[in-house]
């Protein structure tokens, strides 16, 4: 379903993990209305939600549960409202993560979140993975559809992370990236989507992805 951006109201979920300002700026640049929501009572009347974040998987899930934001997210997903997890936000969609010890995630997309293999360092790779890298998108996903890069590569995006999503169902993988080995860099399951990269920091390519999220879902 295509949507005009002037009719879009995006709830940006604040659970104390930062990275809100750049997301707000990118969405407003596209013409979307935005509101920062930090408790379940505020999570109403939005057409889309974004779950951003940087930091610890375990501590973030503790904060989300303490504020009952997880219950509000489950309700929105049940209602079919699109939600996009960015970076840590994508990782939180998984069943579990092992950062700072094992912790349960939101369980919206089957999978686990694990650290990059340490032997990458022996092959000249640095952890965390920082900088622009290529995403090989699924041809069936609307998230990457219909845009042309202003640079040399239409699918380069900005990453900064030490952990990545191991998706259990290949049908949920809509983007992969190579960093010593291939890892899942974008996921989609129903109305739930996630990008390991930061679209809000990925220049025109990232804006195109955000626009697709707002208009195609």
C-alpha atoms as a PDB file:
ATOM      1  CA  UNK A   1       0.000   0.000   0.000  1.00  0.00           C
ATOM      2  CA  UNK A   2       1.463   3.342  -1.039  1.00  0.00           C
ATOM      3  CA  UNK A   3       1.206   6.251   1.366  1.00  0.00           C
ATOM      4  CA  UNK A   4       1.738   9.985   0.907  1.00  0.00           C
ATOM      5  CA  UNK A   5       4.365  11.286   3.317  1.00  0.00           C
ATOM      6  CA  UNK A   6       2.173  14.135   4.508  1.00  0.00           C
ATOM      7  CA  UNK A   7      -0.215  11.574   5.977  1.00  0.00           C
ATOM      8  CA  UNK A   8       2.562   9.685   7.785  1.00  0.00           C
ATOM      9  CA  UNK A   9       3.063  10.013  11.537  1.00  0.00           C
ATOM     10  CA  UNK A  10       6.101   8.162  12.840  1.00  0.00           C
ATOM     11  CA  UNK A  11       6.492   7.192  16.472  1.00  0.00           C
ATOM     12  CA  UNK A  12      10.186   7.008  17.384  1.00  0.00           C
ATOM     13  CA  UNK A  13      10.529   4.718  20.372  1.00  0.00           C
ATOM     14  CA  UNK A  14      12.769   6.115  23.118  1.00  0.00           C
ATOM     15  CA  UNK A  15      13.914   3.480  25.607  1.00  0.00           C
ATOM     16  CA  UNK A  16      17.096   5.276  26.660  1.00  0.00           C
ATOM     17  CA  UNK A  17      19.474   3.954  23.996  1.00  0.00           C
ATOM     18  CA  UNK A  18      20.096   7.264  22.219  1.00  0.00           C
ATOM     19  CA  UNK A  19      20.475   7.844  18.479  1.00  0.00           C
ATOM     20  CA  UNK A  20      17.146   9.683  18.233  1.00  0.00           C
ATOM     21  CA  UNK A  21      18.108  13.099  16.861  1.00  0.00           C
ATOM     22  CA  UNK A  22      19.571  11.888  13.564  1.00  0.00           C
ATOM     23  CA  UNK A  23      16.580   9.609  12.981  1.00  0.00           C
ATOM     24  CA  UNK A  24      14.154  12.454  13.665  1.00  0.00           C
ATOM     25  CA  UNK A  25      16.075  14.761  11.325  1.00  0.00           C
ATOM     26  CA  UNK A  26      16.077  12.243   8.470  1.00  0.00           C
ATOM     27  CA  UNK A  27      12.369  11.515   8.768  1.00  0.00           C
ATOM     28  CA  UNK A  28      11.451  15.190   8.957  1.00  0.00           C
ATOM     29  CA  UNK A  29      13.656  15.898   5.947  1.00  0.00           C
ATOM     30  CA  UNK A  30      11.475  13.443   4.035  1.00  0.00           C
ATOM     31  CA  UNK A  31       8.366  15.333   5.135  1.00  0.00           C
ATOM     32  CA  UNK A  32       7.065  12.893   7.730  1.00  0.00           C
ATOM     33  CA  UNK A  33       5.521  13.962  11.013  1.00  0.00           C
ATOM     34  CA  UNK A  34       7.423  12.553  13.993  1.00  0.00           C
ATOM     35  CA  UNK A  35       6.818  12.083  17.689  1.00  0.00           C
ATOM     36  CA  UNK A  36       9.144  10.603  20.302  1.00  0.00           C
ATOM     37  CA  UNK A  37       7.347   8.041  22.462  1.00  0.00           C
ATOM     38  CA  UNK A  38       8.794   6.742  25.723  1.00  0.00           C
ATOM     39  CA  UNK A  39       5.900   4.866  27.299  1.00  0.00           C
ATOM     40  CA  UNK A  40       2.974   2.726  26.082  1.00  0.00           C
ATOM     41  CA  UNK A  41       0.394   5.474  26.636  1.00  0.00           C
ATOM     42  CA  UNK A  42       2.152   7.634  24.050  1.00  0.00           C
ATOM     43  CA  UNK A  43       2.195   4.854  21.464  1.00  0.00           C
ATOM     44  CA  UNK A  44      -1.088   5.594  19.771  1.00  0.00           C
ATOM     45  CA  UNK A  45      -2.207   7.255  16.568  1.00  0.00           C
ATOM     46  CA  UNK A  46       0.969   6.602  14.583  1.00  0.00           C
ATOM     47  CA  UNK A  47       1.045   5.030  11.132  1.00  0.00           C
ATOM     48  CA  UNK A  48       4.627   3.725  11.553  1.00  0.00           C
ATOM     49  CA  UNK A  49       7.123   3.121  14.346  1.00  0.00           C
ATOM     50  CA  UNK A  50      10.912   3.192  14.417  1.00  0.00           C
ATOM     51  CA  UNK A  51      12.974   1.368  17.052  1.00  0.00           C
ATOM     52  CA  UNK A  52      16.460   2.936  16.912  1.00  0.00           C
ATOM     53  CA  UNK A  53      19.318   2.482  19.327  1.00  0.00           C
ATOM     54  CA  UNK A  54      22.979   1.968  20.090  1.00  0.00           C
ATOM     55  CA  UNK A  55      24.480   0.191  23.074  1.00  0.00           C
ATOM     56  CA  UNK A  56      23.909  -2.993  25.029  1.00  0.00           C
ATOM     57  CA  UNK A  57      21.335  -5.600  23.963  1.00  0.00           C
ATOM     58  CA  UNK A  58      20.797  -6.777  27.540  1.00  0.00           C
ATOM     59  CA  UNK A  59      20.453  -3.344  29.142  1.00  0.00           C
ATOM     60  CA  UNK A  60      18.174  -2.135  26.358  1.00  0.00           C
ATOM     61  CA  UNK A  61      15.827  -5.100  26.757  1.00  0.00           C
ATOM     62  CA  UNK A  62      15.738  -4.491  30.506  1.00  0.00           C
ATOM     63  CA  UNK A  63      14.704  -0.883  29.900  1.00  0.00           C
ATOM     64  CA  UNK A  64      12.087  -1.863  27.317  1.00  0.00           C
ATOM     65  CA  UNK A  65      10.510  -4.380  29.685  1.00  0.00           C
ATOM     66  CA  UNK A  66      10.622  -2.076  32.705  1.00  0.00           C
ATOM     67  CA  UNK A  67       8.676   0.528  30.730  1.00  0.00           C
ATOM     68  CA  UNK A  68       6.295  -2.121  29.276  1.00  0.00           C
ATOM     69  CA  UNK A  69       7.253  -0.888  25.818  1.00  0.00           C
ATOM     70  CA  UNK A  70       7.547  -4.509  24.697  1.00  0.00           C
ATOM     71  CA  UNK A  71       3.835  -5.073  25.319  1.00  0.00           C
ATOM     72  CA  UNK A  72       2.951  -1.959  23.327  1.00  0.00           C
ATOM     73  CA  UNK A  73       5.172  -3.112  20.456  1.00  0.00           C
ATOM     74  CA  UNK A  74       3.501  -6.536  20.412  1.00  0.00           C
ATOM     75  CA  UNK A  75       0.105  -4.862  20.213  1.00  0.00           C
ATOM     76  CA  UNK A  76       1.151  -2.633  17.314  1.00  0.00           C
ATOM     77  CA  UNK A  77       2.559  -5.612  15.428  1.00  0.00           C
ATOM     78  CA  UNK A  78      -0.664  -7.521  16.084  1.00  0.00           C
ATOM     79  CA  UNK A  79      -2.547  -4.553  14.616  1.00  0.00           C
ATOM     80  CA  UNK A  80      -0.342  -4.665  11.506  1.00  0.00           C
ATOM     81  CA  UNK A  81       1.404  -1.340  12.134  1.00  0.00           C
ATOM     82  CA  UNK A  82       4.827  -1.283  10.403  1.00  0.00           C
ATOM     83  CA  UNK A  83       7.870  -1.093  12.675  1.00  0.00           C
ATOM     84  CA  UNK A  84      11.496  -0.625  11.627  1.00  0.00           C
ATOM     85  CA  UNK A  85      14.375  -1.567  13.916  1.00  0.00           C
ATOM     86  CA  UNK A  86      17.666   0.217  13.230  1.00  0.00           C
ATOM     87  CA  UNK A  87      21.083  -1.157  14.282  1.00  0.00           C
ATOM     88  CA  UNK A  88      20.566  -2.296  17.901  1.00  0.00           C
ATOM     89  CA  UNK A  89      16.840  -1.888  17.255  1.00  0.00           C
ATOM     90  CA  UNK A  90      17.032  -4.572  14.566  1.00  0.00           C
ATOM     91  CA  UNK A  91      18.954  -6.866  16.905  1.00  0.00           C
ATOM     92  CA  UNK A  92      16.300  -6.484  19.601  1.00  0.00           C
ATOM     93  CA  UNK A  93      13.756  -8.012  17.203  1.00  0.00           C
ATOM     94  CA  UNK A  94      15.533 -11.370  17.608  1.00  0.00           C
ATOM     95  CA  UNK A  95      14.744 -14.155  20.072  1.00  0.00           C
ATOM     96  CA  UNK A  96      17.918 -13.562  22.064  1.00  0.00           C
ATOM     97  CA  UNK A  97      21.333 -11.938  22.187  1.00  0.00           C
ATOM     98  CA  UNK A  98      24.577 -12.780  23.969  1.00  0.00           C
ATOM     99  CA  UNK A  99      25.980  -9.278  24.520  1.00  0.00           C
ATOM    100  CA  UNK A 100      26.786  -8.817  28.243  1.00  0.00           C
ATOM    101  CA  UNK A 101      25.432 -12.315  28.836  1.00  0.00           C
ATOM    102  CA  UNK A 102      22.466 -14.136  27.368  1.00  0.00           C
ATOM    103  CA  UNK A 103      19.239 -12.135  27.218  1.00  0.00           C
ATOM    104  CA  UNK A 104      15.853 -12.631  25.611  1.00  0.00           C
ATOM    105  CA  UNK A 105      14.881 -10.250  22.830  1.00  0.00           C
ATOM    106  CA  UNK A 106      11.466  -9.251  21.532  1.00  0.00           C
ATOM    107  CA  UNK A 107      11.154 -12.492  19.566  1.00  0.00           C
ATOM    108  CA  UNK A 108       9.472 -10.867  16.572  1.00  0.00           C
ATOM    109  CA  UNK A 109      11.844 -12.391  14.012  1.00  0.00           C
ATOM    110  CA  UNK A 110      13.325 -15.824  14.818  1.00  0.00           C
ATOM    111  CA  UNK A 111      17.067 -15.623  15.330  1.00  0.00           C
ATOM    112  CA  UNK A 112      19.937 -14.858  17.676  1.00  0.00           C
ATOM    113  CA  UNK A 113      22.402 -11.986  17.955  1.00  0.00           C
ATOM    114  CA  UNK A 114      26.067 -12.897  18.285  1.00  0.00           C
ATOM    115  CA  UNK A 115      29.424 -11.156  18.179  1.00  0.00           C
ATOM    116  CA  UNK A 116      31.533 -11.184  15.039  1.00  0.00           C
ATOM    117  CA  UNK A 117      33.956 -14.101  15.112  1.00  0.00           C
ATOM    118  CA  UNK A 118      37.218 -13.147  16.817  1.00  0.00           C
ATOM    119  CA  UNK A 119      39.322 -14.752  14.095  1.00  0.00           C
ATOM    120  CA  UNK A 120      38.309 -11.905  11.771  1.00  0.00           C
ATOM    121  CA  UNK A 121      41.050  -9.875  13.454  1.00  0.00           C
ATOM    122  CA  UNK A 122      43.631 -12.419  12.304  1.00  0.00           C
ATOM    123  CA  UNK A 123      42.492 -11.797   8.729  1.00  0.00           C
ATOM    124  CA  UNK A 124      42.868  -8.024   8.858  1.00  0.00           C
ATOM    125  CA  UNK A 125      39.322  -7.082   9.887  1.00  0.00           C
ATOM    126  CA  UNK A 126      38.582  -4.767  12.793  1.00  0.00           C
ATOM    127  CA  UNK A 127      35.802  -5.209  15.324  1.00  0.00           C
ATOM    128  CA  UNK A 128      33.569  -3.238  15.488  1.00  0.00           C
ATOM    129  CA  UNK A 129      32.668  -3.120  11.813  1.00  0.00           C
ATOM    130  CA  UNK A 130      32.606   0.624  11.038  1.00  0.00           C
ATOM    131  CA  UNK A 131      31.983   2.474   7.791  1.00  0.00           C
ATOM    132  CA  UNK A 132      30.140   2.173   4.509  1.00  0.00           C
ATOM    133  CA  UNK A 133      29.638  -1.317   3.143  1.00  0.00           C
ATOM    134  CA  UNK A 134      27.590  -2.987   0.447  1.00  0.00           C
ATOM    135  CA  UNK A 135      24.181  -4.543   1.055  1.00  0.00           C
ATOM    136  CA  UNK A 136      23.005  -7.224  -1.366  1.00  0.00           C
ATOM    137  CA  UNK A 137      19.213  -6.830  -1.241  1.00  0.00           C
ATOM    138  CA  UNK A 138      16.462  -9.313  -1.930  1.00  0.00           C
ATOM    139  CA  UNK A 139      14.767  -8.492  -5.216  1.00  0.00           C
ATOM    140  CA  UNK A 140      11.387  -9.132  -3.599  1.00  0.00           C
ATOM    141  CA  UNK A 141      11.719  -6.546  -0.834  1.00  0.00           C
ATOM    142  CA  UNK A 142      10.023  -3.188  -1.237  1.00  0.00           C
ATOM    143  CA  UNK A 143      12.444  -1.673   1.282  1.00  0.00           C
ATOM    144  CA  UNK A 144      15.229  -1.522  -1.318  1.00  0.00           C
ATOM    145  CA  UNK A 145      13.073  -1.041  -4.389  1.00  0.00           C
ATOM    146  CA  UNK A 146      12.976   1.739  -6.936  1.00  0.00           C
ATOM    147  CA  UNK A 147      15.831   4.051  -6.032  1.00  0.00           C
ATOM    148  CA  UNK A 148      19.090   5.031  -7.716  1.00  0.00           C
ATOM    149  CA  UNK A 149      22.244   6.015  -5.874  1.00  0.00           C
ATOM    150  CA  UNK A 150      23.906   9.360  -6.461  1.00  0.00           C
ATOM    151  CA  UNK A 151      27.272   7.620  -6.043  1.00  0.00           C
ATOM    152  CA  UNK A 152      28.916   4.626  -7.646  1.00  0.00           C
ATOM    153  CA  UNK A 153      27.105   1.964  -5.659  1.00  0.00           C
ATOM    154  CA  UNK A 154      23.329   1.930  -5.174  1.00  0.00           C
ATOM    155  CA  UNK A 155      23.449  -0.239  -2.068  1.00  0.00           C
ATOM    156  CA  UNK A 156      26.202   1.153   0.168  1.00  0.00           C
ATOM    157  CA  UNK A 157      25.133   1.956   3.732  1.00  0.00           C
ATOM    158  CA  UNK A 158      26.785   3.024   6.985  1.00  0.00           C
ATOM    159  CA  UNK A 159      27.482   0.396   9.650  1.00  0.00           C
ATOM    160  CA  UNK A 160      28.837   0.509  13.188  1.00  0.00           C
ATOM    161  CA  UNK A 161      28.431  -2.708  15.189  1.00  0.00           C
ATOM    162  CA  UNK A 162      30.220  -5.622  16.837  1.00  0.00           C
ATOM    163  CA  UNK A 163      27.242  -7.994  16.902  1.00  0.00           C
ATOM    164  CA  UNK A 164      25.010  -9.221  14.108  1.00  0.00           C
ATOM    165  CA  UNK A 165      21.681 -10.992  13.593  1.00  0.00           C
ATOM    166  CA  UNK A 166      21.736 -14.721  12.788  1.00  0.00           C
ATOM    167  CA  UNK A 167      18.354 -15.214  11.137  1.00  0.00           C
ATOM    168  CA  UNK A 168      16.841 -18.691  11.523  1.00  0.00           C
ATOM    169  CA  UNK A 169      14.428 -18.411   8.589  1.00  0.00           C
ATOM    170  CA  UNK A 170      16.071 -17.450   5.302  1.00  0.00           C
ATOM    171  CA  UNK A 171      12.756 -16.119   3.984  1.00  0.00           C
ATOM    172  CA  UNK A 172      13.056 -13.270   6.512  1.00  0.00           C
ATOM    173  CA  UNK A 173      16.435 -12.127   5.151  1.00  0.00           C
ATOM    174  CA  UNK A 174      16.131  -9.204   2.720  1.00  0.00           C
ATOM    175  CA  UNK A 175      19.735  -8.006   2.795  1.00  0.00           C
ATOM    176  CA  UNK A 176      23.186  -9.487   3.356  1.00  0.00           C
ATOM    177  CA  UNK A 177      26.615  -7.922   3.741  1.00  0.00           C
ATOM    178  CA  UNK A 178      30.139  -9.317   3.637  1.00  0.00           C
ATOM    179  CA  UNK A 179      32.652  -8.558   6.380  1.00  0.00           C
ATOM    180  CA  UNK A 180      35.007 -11.498   6.489  1.00  0.00           C
ATOM    181  CA  UNK A 181      31.911 -13.629   5.976  1.00  0.00           C
ATOM    182  CA  UNK A 182      28.329 -12.920   4.979  1.00  0.00           C
ATOM    183  CA  UNK A 183      25.919 -11.745   7.667  1.00  0.00           C
ATOM    184  CA  UNK A 184      22.295 -10.639   7.698  1.00  0.00           C
ATOM    185  CA  UNK A 185      22.047  -6.865   7.329  1.00  0.00           C
ATOM    186  CA  UNK A 186      18.287  -6.444   6.763  1.00  0.00           C
ATOM    187  CA  UNK A 187      15.239  -8.468   7.774  1.00  0.00           C
ATOM    188  CA  UNK A 188      11.513  -8.438   7.113  1.00  0.00           C
ATOM    189  CA  UNK A 189       8.699 -10.514   8.564  1.00  0.00           C
ATOM    190  CA  UNK A 190       5.191  -9.225   7.957  1.00  0.00           C
ATOM    191  CA  UNK A 191       5.043  -5.639   9.193  1.00  0.00           C
ATOM    192  CA  UNK A 192       8.315  -5.979  11.142  1.00  0.00           C
ATOM    193  CA  UNK A 193      11.524  -4.827   9.430  1.00  0.00           C
ATOM    194  CA  UNK A 194      15.082  -4.202  10.503  1.00  0.00           C
ATOM    195  CA  UNK A 195      18.344  -2.803   9.157  1.00  0.00           C
ATOM    196  CA  UNK A 196      21.710  -3.408  10.795  1.00  0.00           C
ATOM    197  CA  UNK A 197      22.996  -0.323   8.993  1.00  0.00           C
ATOM    198  CA  UNK A 198      21.993   3.225   9.878  1.00  0.00           C
ATOM    199  CA  UNK A 199      19.789   4.590   7.059  1.00  0.00           C
ATOM    200  CA  UNK A 200      19.726   7.991   8.760  1.00  0.00           C
ATOM    201  CA  UNK A 201      23.534   8.161   8.352  1.00  0.00           C
ATOM    202  CA  UNK A 202      23.688   6.650   4.865  1.00  0.00           C
ATOM    203  CA  UNK A 203      23.065   9.784   2.796  1.00  0.00           C
ATOM    204  CA  UNK A 204      20.775   9.460  -0.239  1.00  0.00           C
ATOM    205  CA  UNK A 205      20.666   5.662  -0.109  1.00  0.00           C
ATOM    206  CA  UNK A 206      19.508   5.696   3.488  1.00  0.00           C
ATOM    207  CA  UNK A 207      16.882   8.342   2.825  1.00  0.00           C
ATOM    208  CA  UNK A 208      15.558   6.209  -0.029  1.00  0.00           C
ATOM    209  CA  UNK A 209      15.215   3.213   2.295  1.00  0.00           C
ATOM    210  CA  UNK A 210      13.411   5.297   4.913  1.00  0.00           C
ATOM    211  CA  UNK A 211      11.102   6.708   2.253  1.00  0.00           C
ATOM    212  CA  UNK A 212      10.294   3.197   1.051  1.00  0.00           C
ATOM    213  CA  UNK A 213       9.486   2.154   4.612  1.00  0.00           C
ATOM    214  CA  UNK A 214       7.112   5.086   5.020  1.00  0.00           C
ATOM    215  CA  UNK A 215       5.409   4.819   1.638  1.00  0.00           C
ATOM    216  CA  UNK A 216       5.421   1.119   0.765  1.00  0.00           C
ATOM    217  CA  UNK A 217       4.423  -0.394   4.112  1.00  0.00           C
END
